[in-house]
Amino acid sequence: MKKLILAALAAAGAIVAGKKLQQSKAEQALWAEATDKLPKA
């Protein structure tokens, strides 16, 4: 039973970490777009 609980906690932790990583990448992309140098006209 303990192994099942540990496996469930590990899976939940992996899901949370994956979502945070995806959110971080999206925020980095947004900042990169917002601070991108404008082309000279």
PDB file of N, CA and C in Angstrom:
ATOM      1  N   MET A   1       0.827  -1.195   0.000  1.00  0.00           N
ATOM      2  CA  MET A   1       0.000   0.000   0.000  1.00  0.00           C
ATOM      3  C   MET A   1       0.873   1.261   0.000  1.00  0.00           C
ATOM      4  N   LYS A   2       1.966   1.243   0.749  1.00  0.00           N
ATOM      5  CA  LYS A   2       2.843   2.411   0.803  1.00  0.00           C
ATOM      6  C   LYS A   2       3.460   2.698  -0.553  1.00  0.00           C
ATOM      7  N   LYS A   3       3.796   1.637  -1.285  1.00  0.00           N
ATOM      8  CA  LYS A   3       4.391   1.827  -2.611  1.00  0.00           C
ATOM      9  C   LYS A   3       3.402   2.481  -3.565  1.00  0.00           C
ATOM     10  N   LEU A   4       2.120   2.114  -3.449  1.00  0.00           N
ATOM     11  CA  LEU A   4       1.092   2.702  -4.299  1.00  0.00           C
ATOM     12  C   LEU A   4       0.950   4.200  -4.012  1.00  0.00           C
ATOM     13  N   ILE A   5       0.956   4.550  -2.732  1.00  0.00           N
ATOM     14  CA  ILE A   5       0.847   5.963  -2.344  1.00  0.00           C
ATOM     15  C   ILE A   5       2.070   6.736  -2.830  1.00  0.00           C
ATOM     16  N   LEU A   6       3.252   6.164  -2.671  1.00  0.00           N
ATOM     17  CA  LEU A   6       4.471   6.842  -3.128  1.00  0.00           C
ATOM     18  C   LEU A   6       4.465   7.016  -4.643  1.00  0.00           C
ATOM     19  N   ALA A   7       3.977   6.002  -5.356  1.00  0.00           N
ATOM     20  CA  ALA A   7       3.910   6.100  -6.816  1.00  0.00           C
ATOM     21  C   ALA A   7       2.931   7.190  -7.235  1.00  0.00           C
ATOM     22  N   ALA A   8       1.793   7.272  -6.538  1.00  0.00           N
ATOM     23  CA  ALA A   8       0.801   8.306  -6.846  1.00  0.00           C
ATOM     24  C   ALA A   8       1.367   9.700  -6.563  1.00  0.00           C
ATOM     25  N   LEU A   9       2.079   9.842  -5.453  1.00  0.00           N
ATOM     26  CA  LEU A   9       2.689  11.136  -5.125  1.00  0.00           C
ATOM     27  C   LEU A   9       3.765  11.513  -6.147  1.00  0.00           C
ATOM     28  N   ALA A  10       4.537  10.543  -6.576  1.00  0.00           N
ATOM     29  CA  ALA A  10       5.579  10.809  -7.570  1.00  0.00           C
ATOM     30  C   ALA A  10       4.948  11.237  -8.894  1.00  0.00           C
ATOM     31  N   ALA A  11       3.873  10.568  -9.285  1.00  0.00           N
ATOM     32  CA  ALA A  11       3.187  10.921 -10.531  1.00  0.00           C
ATOM     33  C   ALA A  11       2.597  12.329 -10.435  1.00  0.00           C
ATOM     34  N   ALA A  12       1.981  12.630  -9.305  1.00  0.00           N
ATOM     35  CA  ALA A  12       1.402  13.960  -9.118  1.00  0.00           C
ATOM     36  C   ALA A  12       2.498  15.023  -9.143  1.00  0.00           C
ATOM     37  N   GLY A  13       3.625  14.737  -8.518  1.00  0.00           N
ATOM     38  CA  GLY A  13       4.742  15.680  -8.526  1.00  0.00           C
ATOM     39  C   GLY A  13       5.286  15.906  -9.924  1.00  0.00           C
ATOM     40  N   ALA A  14       5.354  14.842 -10.707  1.00  0.00           N
ATOM     41  CA  ALA A  14       5.836  14.969 -12.081  1.00  0.00           C
ATOM     42  C   ALA A  14       4.878  15.811 -12.919  1.00  0.00           C
ATOM     43  N   ILE A  15       3.596  15.635 -12.706  1.00  0.00           N
ATOM     44  CA  ILE A  15       2.601  16.419 -13.450  1.00  0.00           C
ATOM     45  C   ILE A  15       2.712  17.897 -13.092  1.00  0.00           C
ATOM     46  N   VAL A  16       2.824  18.181 -11.803  1.00  0.00           N
ATOM     47  CA  VAL A  16       2.940  19.578 -11.351  1.00  0.00           C
ATOM     48  C   VAL A  16       4.224  20.203 -11.898  1.00  0.00           C
ATOM     49  N   ALA A  17       5.325  19.465 -11.834  1.00  0.00           N
ATOM     50  CA  ALA A  17       6.601  19.985 -12.335  1.00  0.00           C
ATOM     51  C   ALA A  17       6.528  20.235 -13.837  1.00  0.00           C
ATOM     52  N   GLY A  18       5.887  19.344 -14.560  1.00  0.00           N
ATOM     53  CA  GLY A  18       5.742  19.519 -16.003  1.00  0.00           C
ATOM     54  C   GLY A  18       4.924  20.748 -16.348  1.00  0.00           C
ATOM     55  N   LYS A  19       3.848  20.970 -15.604  1.00  0.00           N
ATOM     56  CA  LYS A  19       3.007  22.146 -15.851  1.00  0.00           C
ATOM     57  C   LYS A  19       3.767  23.430 -15.549  1.00  0.00           C
ATOM     58  N   LYS A  20       4.546  23.419 -14.457  1.00  0.00           N
ATOM     59  CA  LYS A  20       5.323  24.613 -14.112  1.00  0.00           C
ATOM     60  C   LYS A  20       6.388  24.898 -15.173  1.00  0.00           C
ATOM     61  N   LEU A  21       7.013  23.850 -15.678  1.00  0.00           N
ATOM     62  CA  LEU A  21       8.011  24.008 -16.723  1.00  0.00           C
ATOM     63  C   LEU A  21       7.385  24.577 -17.987  1.00  0.00           C
ATOM     64  N   GLN A  22       6.228  24.052 -18.361  1.00  0.00           N
ATOM     65  CA  GLN A  22       5.529  24.535 -19.551  1.00  0.00           C
ATOM     66  C   GLN A  22       5.120  25.996 -19.371  1.00  0.00           C
ATOM     67  N   GLN A  23       4.638  26.339 -18.179  1.00  0.00           N
ATOM     68  CA  GLN A  23       4.244  27.718 -17.889  1.00  0.00           C
ATOM     69  C   GLN A  23       5.451  28.646 -17.958  1.00  0.00           C
ATOM     70  N   SER A  24       6.578  28.199 -17.439  1.00  0.00           N
ATOM     71  CA  SER A  24       7.791  28.995 -17.451  1.00  0.00           C
ATOM     72  C   SER A  24       8.266  29.242 -18.880  1.00  0.00           C
ATOM     73  N   LYS A  25       8.215  28.205 -19.706  1.00  0.00           N
ATOM     74  CA  LYS A  25       8.630  28.360 -21.106  1.00  0.00           C
ATOM     75  C   LYS A  25       7.716  29.330 -21.839  1.00  0.00           C
ATOM     76  N   ALA A  26       6.418  29.276 -21.565  1.00  0.00           N
ATOM     77  CA  ALA A  26       5.475  30.185 -22.201  1.00  0.00           C
ATOM     78  C   ALA A  26       5.754  31.628 -21.777  1.00  0.00           C
ATOM     79  N   GLU A  27       6.062  31.818 -20.490  1.00  0.00           N
ATOM     80  CA  GLU A  27       6.364  33.162 -20.005  1.00  0.00           C
ATOM     81  C   GLU A  27       7.664  33.680 -20.617  1.00  0.00           C
ATOM     82  N   GLN A  28       8.657  32.806 -20.752  1.00  0.00           N
ATOM     83  CA  GLN A  28       9.927  33.213 -21.367  1.00  0.00           C
ATOM     84  C   GLN A  28       9.700  33.618 -22.824  1.00  0.00           C
ATOM     85  N   ALA A  29       8.874  32.868 -23.531  1.00  0.00           N
ATOM     86  CA  ALA A  29       8.601  33.186 -24.932  1.00  0.00           C
ATOM     87  C   ALA A  29       7.883  34.526 -25.040  1.00  0.00           C
ATOM     88  N   LEU A  30       6.960  34.778 -24.118  1.00  0.00           N
ATOM     89  CA  LEU A  30       6.230  36.047 -24.125  1.00  0.00           C
ATOM     90  C   LEU A  30       7.179  37.215 -23.874  1.00  0.00           C
ATOM     91  N   TRP A  31       8.077  37.062 -22.882  1.00  0.00           N
ATOM     92  CA  TRP A  31       9.040  38.119 -22.593  1.00  0.00           C
ATOM     93  C   TRP A  31      10.004  38.313 -23.762  1.00  0.00           C
ATOM     94  N   ALA A  32      10.410  37.225 -24.394  1.00  0.00           N
ATOM     95  CA  ALA A  32      11.325  37.344 -25.529  1.00  0.00           C
ATOM     96  C   ALA A  32      10.652  38.113 -26.664  1.00  0.00           C
ATOM     97  N   GLU A  33       9.370  37.841 -26.867  1.00  0.00           N
ATOM     98  CA  GLU A  33       8.638  38.550 -27.920  1.00  0.00           C
ATOM     99  C   GLU A  33       8.450  40.023 -27.557  1.00  0.00           C
ATOM    100  N   ALA A  34       8.157  40.288 -26.290  1.00  0.00           N
ATOM    101  CA  ALA A  34       7.897  41.658 -25.849  1.00  0.00           C
ATOM    102  C   ALA A  34       9.173  42.506 -25.859  1.00  0.00           C
ATOM    103  N   THR A  35      10.318  41.902 -25.608  1.00  0.00           N
ATOM    104  CA  THR A  35      11.554  42.673 -25.522  1.00  0.00           C
ATOM    105  C   THR A  35      12.419  42.529 -26.765  1.00  0.00           C
ATOM    106  N   ASP A  36      11.888  41.879 -27.795  1.00  0.00           N
ATOM    107  CA  ASP A  36      12.627  41.692 -29.034  1.00  0.00           C
ATOM    108  C   ASP A  36      12.928  43.059 -29.658  1.00  0.00           C
ATOM    109  N   LYS A  37      14.114  43.183 -30.210  1.00  0.00           N
ATOM    110  CA  LYS A  37      14.454  44.435 -30.864  1.00  0.00           C
ATOM    111  C   LYS A  37      13.614  44.589 -32.136  1.00  0.00           C
ATOM    112  N   LEU A  38      13.154  45.792 -32.345  1.00  0.00           N
ATOM    113  CA  LEU A  38      12.343  46.055 -33.537  1.00  0.00           C
ATOM    114  C   LEU A  38      13.259  46.176 -34.751  1.00  0.00           C
ATOM    115  N   PRO A  39      12.818  45.685 -35.896  1.00  0.00           N
ATOM    116  CA  PRO A  39      13.629  45.825 -37.096  1.00  0.00           C
ATOM    117  C   PRO A  39      13.731  47.305 -37.498  1.00  0.00           C
ATOM    118  N   LYS A  40      14.897  47.672 -38.001  1.00  0.00           N
ATOM    119  CA  LYS A  40      15.087  49.060 -38.410  1.00  0.00           C
ATOM    120  C   LYS A  40      14.372  49.294 -39.732  1.00  0.00           C
ATOM    121  N   ALA A  41      13.599  50.351 -39.776  1.00  0.00           N
ATOM    122  CA  ALA A  41      12.820  50.652 -40.983  1.00  0.00           C
ATOM    123  C   ALA A  41      13.518  51.662 -41.851  1.00  0.00           C
TER     124      ALA A  41
END
